[in-house]
Amino acid sequence: MSYRNTLIVFALVCGAALLLPEAASAQAPQANAPHPMAMNGPRDQRIQLHDAMRRLWEDHVTYTRLFIVSDVGNLPDKEATTKRLLKNQQDLGNAIKPYYGEQAGTQLAGLLIDHIVIASKLVDAAKAHEGVMVADLTNRWFANADNIATFLSKANPDSWPITATQQMMHDHLDLTLQEATNQVQGKYADSMAAYDKIVDQATMMADTLSSGIIKQFPDRFGERRAATESPAR
């Protein structure tokens, strides 16, 4: 059997692929202390959103790479790495709540959890050489990824049209699959080269998402709404 079916799970984290940012502060504010965002102007808030988005994507691709290396090499840190990667998915679900509400955040988290569950079943089917089940789970996995793209596009159709959102997600999947395939085949330099491309592509996605949020919610960033824009949610 081709390695491709087994490797699909490594690309699962890309579907998360198009996830929205969360404040990535190292520590929670002290009790009774003013929130850091309240102490800064609109420009600082834009920078904080931009940096928080990039930090989430840095974590995303970094822990994805660590997971690939650990899984392929059967390393003892695989369980810990997997838990940290799963935390990133939950963080991404929680991150949209300040902009789109509690229900939307819960919905996104649910999509991401389904994404992981399907992928884990896909790995089991691939290891058991159950080709029919592998094909079915693969279709379900891509459908779930497209559902995430649709969710994001509906949240911000002006900045994240569905065709562009799906393309970004698929590009990310393809690059991660290259990374994992090369790692399995022992082509370590090629695997690292693919990872470099993943970082660049993920940074582009992060910037697209943060700029889209700023455009959709200009009042939160000291900007005026264009007359032709859809009203903010």
Protein backbone atom coordinates (compact mmCIF):
# COMPACT_ATOMS: atom_id res chain seq x y z
CA MET A 1 0.00 0.00 0.00
CA SER A 2 1.17 3.55 -0.74
CA TYR A 3 2.36 5.66 2.13
CA ARG A 4 -0.15 8.30 1.06
CA ASN A 5 -3.09 6.82 2.93
CA THR A 6 -1.13 6.52 6.14
CA LEU A 7 0.18 10.03 5.74
CA ILE A 8 -3.17 11.72 5.32
CA VAL A 9 -3.39 12.06 9.07
CA PHE A 10 -0.32 14.21 9.07
CA ALA A 11 -2.14 16.73 6.93
CA LEU A 12 -5.11 16.87 9.28
CA VAL A 13 -3.74 19.81 11.15
CA CYS A 14 -3.84 21.90 8.02
CA GLY A 15 -7.64 21.86 7.94
CA ALA A 16 -7.49 23.59 10.94
CA ALA A 17 -6.07 25.35 8.45
CA LEU A 18 -7.88 28.34 8.26
CA LEU A 19 -8.38 29.06 11.77
CA LEU A 20 -8.79 32.43 13.44
CA PRO A 21 -6.38 34.05 15.99
CA GLU A 22 -6.29 34.05 19.74
CA ALA A 23 -4.39 36.29 22.12
CA ALA A 24 -1.18 34.34 22.65
CA SER A 25 0.09 35.96 25.82
CA ALA A 26 2.57 33.98 27.89
CA GLN A 27 0.82 34.77 31.18
CA ALA A 28 -2.67 35.82 32.22
CA PRO A 29 -3.07 39.42 33.47
CA GLN A 30 -2.73 39.86 37.22
CA ALA A 31 -5.87 40.38 39.25
CA ASN A 32 -7.16 43.99 39.18
CA ALA A 33 -4.57 44.91 36.56
CA PRO A 34 -5.84 46.69 33.42
CA HIS A 35 -6.02 44.51 30.35
CA PRO A 36 -2.96 45.13 28.13
CA MET A 37 -5.21 45.85 25.16
CA ALA A 38 -6.86 48.70 27.05
CA MET A 39 -3.51 50.40 27.56
CA ASN A 40 -2.74 50.62 23.85
CA GLY A 41 -4.07 52.55 20.89
CA PRO A 42 -5.75 51.19 17.76
CA ARG A 43 -2.45 50.70 15.96
CA ASP A 44 -1.11 48.62 18.85
CA GLN A 45 -4.26 46.52 18.81
CA ARG A 46 -3.78 45.78 15.12
CA ILE A 47 -0.18 44.74 15.77
CA GLN A 48 -1.25 42.52 18.66
CA LEU A 49 -3.83 40.76 16.50
CA HIS A 50 -1.32 40.35 13.69
CA ASP A 51 1.30 38.91 16.04
CA ALA A 52 -1.16 36.66 17.90
CA MET A 53 -2.36 35.19 14.60
CA ARG A 54 1.18 34.48 13.50
CA ARG A 55 2.02 32.93 16.87
CA LEU A 56 -0.90 30.49 16.58
CA TRP A 57 0.23 29.47 13.12
CA GLU A 58 3.84 29.15 14.27
CA ASP A 59 2.64 26.75 16.97
CA HIS A 60 0.48 24.97 14.45
CA VAL A 61 3.20 24.18 11.94
CA THR A 62 5.89 23.64 14.57
CA TYR A 63 3.92 21.02 16.51
CA THR A 64 2.79 19.49 13.25
CA ARG A 65 6.43 18.99 12.28
CA LEU A 66 7.28 17.60 15.70
CA PHE A 67 4.36 15.20 15.42
CA ILE A 68 5.48 13.98 12.00
CA VAL A 69 9.06 13.40 13.17
CA SER A 70 7.92 11.67 16.37
CA ASP A 71 5.35 9.49 14.65
CA VAL A 72 7.63 8.40 11.80
CA GLY A 73 10.50 7.73 14.19
CA ASN A 74 8.35 6.06 16.86
CA LEU A 75 9.78 8.47 19.43
CA PRO A 76 8.66 8.44 23.07
CA ASP A 77 7.48 12.06 22.96
CA LYS A 78 4.69 11.32 20.45
CA GLU A 79 1.92 11.32 23.07
CA ALA A 80 3.02 14.61 24.60
CA THR A 81 3.41 16.17 21.17
CA THR A 82 -0.04 15.00 20.14
CA LYS A 83 -1.61 16.52 23.26
CA ARG A 84 0.08 19.84 22.57
CA LEU A 85 -1.07 19.75 18.96
CA LEU A 86 -4.62 19.06 20.07
CA LYS A 87 -4.42 22.00 22.46
CA ASN A 88 -3.58 24.22 19.51
CA GLN A 89 -6.80 23.11 17.82
CA GLN A 90 -8.83 23.98 20.92
CA ASP A 91 -7.04 27.31 21.19
CA LEU A 92 -7.97 28.09 17.61
CA GLY A 93 -11.61 27.30 18.32
CA ASN A 94 -11.63 29.53 21.38
CA ALA A 95 -9.86 32.30 19.49
CA ILE A 96 -12.83 33.33 17.35
CA LYS A 97 -15.13 33.91 20.30
CA PRO A 98 -14.18 37.58 20.85
CA TYR A 99 -15.22 38.32 17.25
CA TYR A 100 -17.94 35.82 16.37
CA GLY A 101 -19.33 34.72 19.72
CA GLU A 102 -19.39 31.71 21.99
CA GLN A 103 -21.57 29.58 19.73
CA ALA A 104 -19.33 30.09 16.70
CA GLY A 105 -16.26 29.22 18.73
CA THR A 106 -17.89 26.03 19.94
CA GLN A 107 -18.91 25.14 16.41
CA LEU A 108 -15.41 25.60 15.07
CA ALA A 109 -13.96 23.54 17.91
CA GLY A 110 -16.43 20.78 17.05
CA LEU A 111 -15.33 20.78 13.41
CA LEU A 112 -11.71 20.51 14.47
CA ILE A 113 -12.41 17.67 16.88
CA ASP A 114 -14.22 15.80 14.10
CA HIS A 115 -11.22 16.47 11.88
CA ILE A 116 -8.92 14.72 14.36
CA VAL A 117 -11.29 11.82 15.07
CA ILE A 118 -11.69 11.05 11.36
CA ALA A 119 -7.93 11.22 10.83
CA SER A 120 -7.20 8.86 13.71
CA LYS A 121 -9.66 6.31 12.26
CA LEU A 122 -8.01 6.76 8.89
CA VAL A 123 -4.61 5.84 10.34
CA ASP A 124 -6.05 2.66 11.89
CA ALA A 125 -7.65 1.70 8.57
CA ALA A 126 -4.43 2.34 6.66
CA LYS A 127 -2.40 0.22 9.07
CA ALA A 128 -4.94 -2.59 8.70
CA HIS A 129 -4.77 -2.29 4.89
CA GLU A 130 -8.52 -1.72 4.73
CA GLY A 131 -8.57 0.06 1.38
CA VAL A 132 -12.33 0.66 1.15
CA MET A 133 -12.45 2.21 4.60
CA VAL A 134 -9.37 4.31 3.84
CA ALA A 135 -11.06 5.74 0.75
CA ASP A 136 -14.27 6.49 2.66
CA LEU A 137 -12.46 8.17 5.54
CA THR A 138 -10.31 10.17 3.14
CA ASN A 139 -13.44 11.56 1.47
CA ARG A 140 -14.92 12.37 4.87
CA TRP A 141 -11.69 14.07 5.91
CA PHE A 142 -11.63 16.37 2.88
CA ALA A 143 -15.33 17.10 3.30
CA ASN A 144 -14.67 18.15 6.89
CA ALA A 145 -11.83 20.42 5.74
CA ASP A 146 -14.12 22.04 3.20
CA ASN A 147 -16.73 22.50 5.93
CA ILE A 148 -14.16 24.47 7.90
CA ALA A 149 -13.45 26.63 4.85
CA THR A 150 -17.18 27.21 4.40
CA PHE A 151 -17.56 28.14 8.06
CA LEU A 152 -14.84 30.77 7.77
CA SER A 153 -16.14 32.12 4.48
CA LYS A 154 -19.62 32.58 5.91
CA ALA A 155 -18.13 34.39 8.90
CA ASN A 156 -16.29 36.90 6.68
CA PRO A 157 -17.34 36.55 3.03
CA ASP A 158 -15.87 39.89 1.95
CA SER A 159 -12.31 39.03 2.98
CA TRP A 160 -12.42 35.22 2.86
CA PRO A 161 -14.36 34.12 -0.23
CA ILE A 162 -14.93 30.38 -0.35
CA THR A 163 -12.77 29.66 -3.39
CA ALA A 164 -9.75 31.43 -1.94
CA THR A 165 -10.27 29.89 1.49
CA GLN A 166 -10.47 26.38 0.09
CA GLN A 167 -7.38 26.95 -2.06
CA MET A 168 -5.35 28.13 0.93
CA MET A 169 -6.42 25.07 2.87
CA HIS A 170 -5.61 22.67 0.05
CA ASP A 171 -2.21 24.28 -0.52
CA HIS A 172 -1.42 23.79 3.12
CA LEU A 173 -2.53 20.16 3.00
CA ASP A 174 -0.40 19.47 -0.05
CA LEU A 175 2.73 20.98 1.50
CA THR A 176 2.30 19.09 4.75
CA LEU A 177 1.81 15.86 2.84
CA GLN A 178 5.10 16.54 1.02
CA GLU A 179 6.80 17.14 4.34
CA ALA A 180 5.50 13.90 5.85
CA THR A 181 6.16 11.80 2.75
CA ASN A 182 9.77 12.94 2.54
CA GLN A 183 10.24 12.26 6.26
CA VAL A 184 8.92 8.70 5.89
CA GLN A 185 11.18 8.08 2.89
CA GLY A 186 14.24 9.32 4.75
CA LYS A 187 14.61 12.38 2.53
CA TYR A 188 15.23 14.62 5.51
CA ALA A 189 16.61 17.62 3.60
CA ASP A 190 13.55 17.60 1.34
CA SER A 191 11.28 17.29 4.36
CA MET A 192 12.86 20.35 5.93
CA ALA A 193 12.60 22.23 2.64
CA ALA A 194 8.89 21.46 2.55
CA TYR A 195 8.57 22.70 6.12
CA ASP A 196 10.17 26.01 5.12
CA LYS A 197 7.50 26.40 2.45
CA ILE A 198 4.83 25.53 4.99
CA VAL A 199 6.01 28.31 7.28
CA ASP A 200 5.84 30.85 4.45
CA GLN A 201 2.39 29.70 3.37
CA ALA A 202 1.06 29.62 6.93
CA THR A 203 2.36 33.14 7.52
CA MET A 204 0.48 34.29 4.45
CA MET A 205 -2.70 32.68 5.73
CA ALA A 206 -2.25 34.21 9.17
CA ASP A 207 -1.85 37.68 7.68
CA THR A 208 -4.89 37.16 5.44
CA LEU A 209 -6.99 36.24 8.46
CA SER A 210 -5.82 39.05 10.70
CA SER A 211 -6.28 41.69 7.97
CA GLY A 212 -9.75 40.29 7.28
CA ILE A 213 -10.78 40.61 10.91
CA ILE A 214 -9.49 44.19 11.08
CA LYS A 215 -11.46 45.04 7.95
CA GLN A 216 -14.63 43.38 9.22
CA PHE A 217 -14.46 44.95 12.68
CA PRO A 218 -12.88 48.37 12.00
CA ASP A 219 -14.43 50.04 15.04
CA ARG A 220 -12.35 47.79 17.30
CA PHE A 221 -9.19 48.96 15.62
CA GLY A 222 -9.90 52.66 15.26
CA GLU A 223 -10.77 52.47 11.59
CA ARG A 224 -13.81 53.56 9.61
CA ARG A 225 -16.01 51.07 7.83
CA ALA A 226 -16.17 51.41 4.07
CA ALA A 227 -19.65 52.29 2.85
CA THR A 228 -19.78 49.23 0.57
CA GLU A 229 -18.83 46.72 3.28
CA SER A 230 -21.23 44.28 4.85
CA PRO A 231 -22.11 45.28 8.42
CA ALA A 232 -20.02 43.77 11.16
CA ARG A 233 -21.52 40.91 13.12
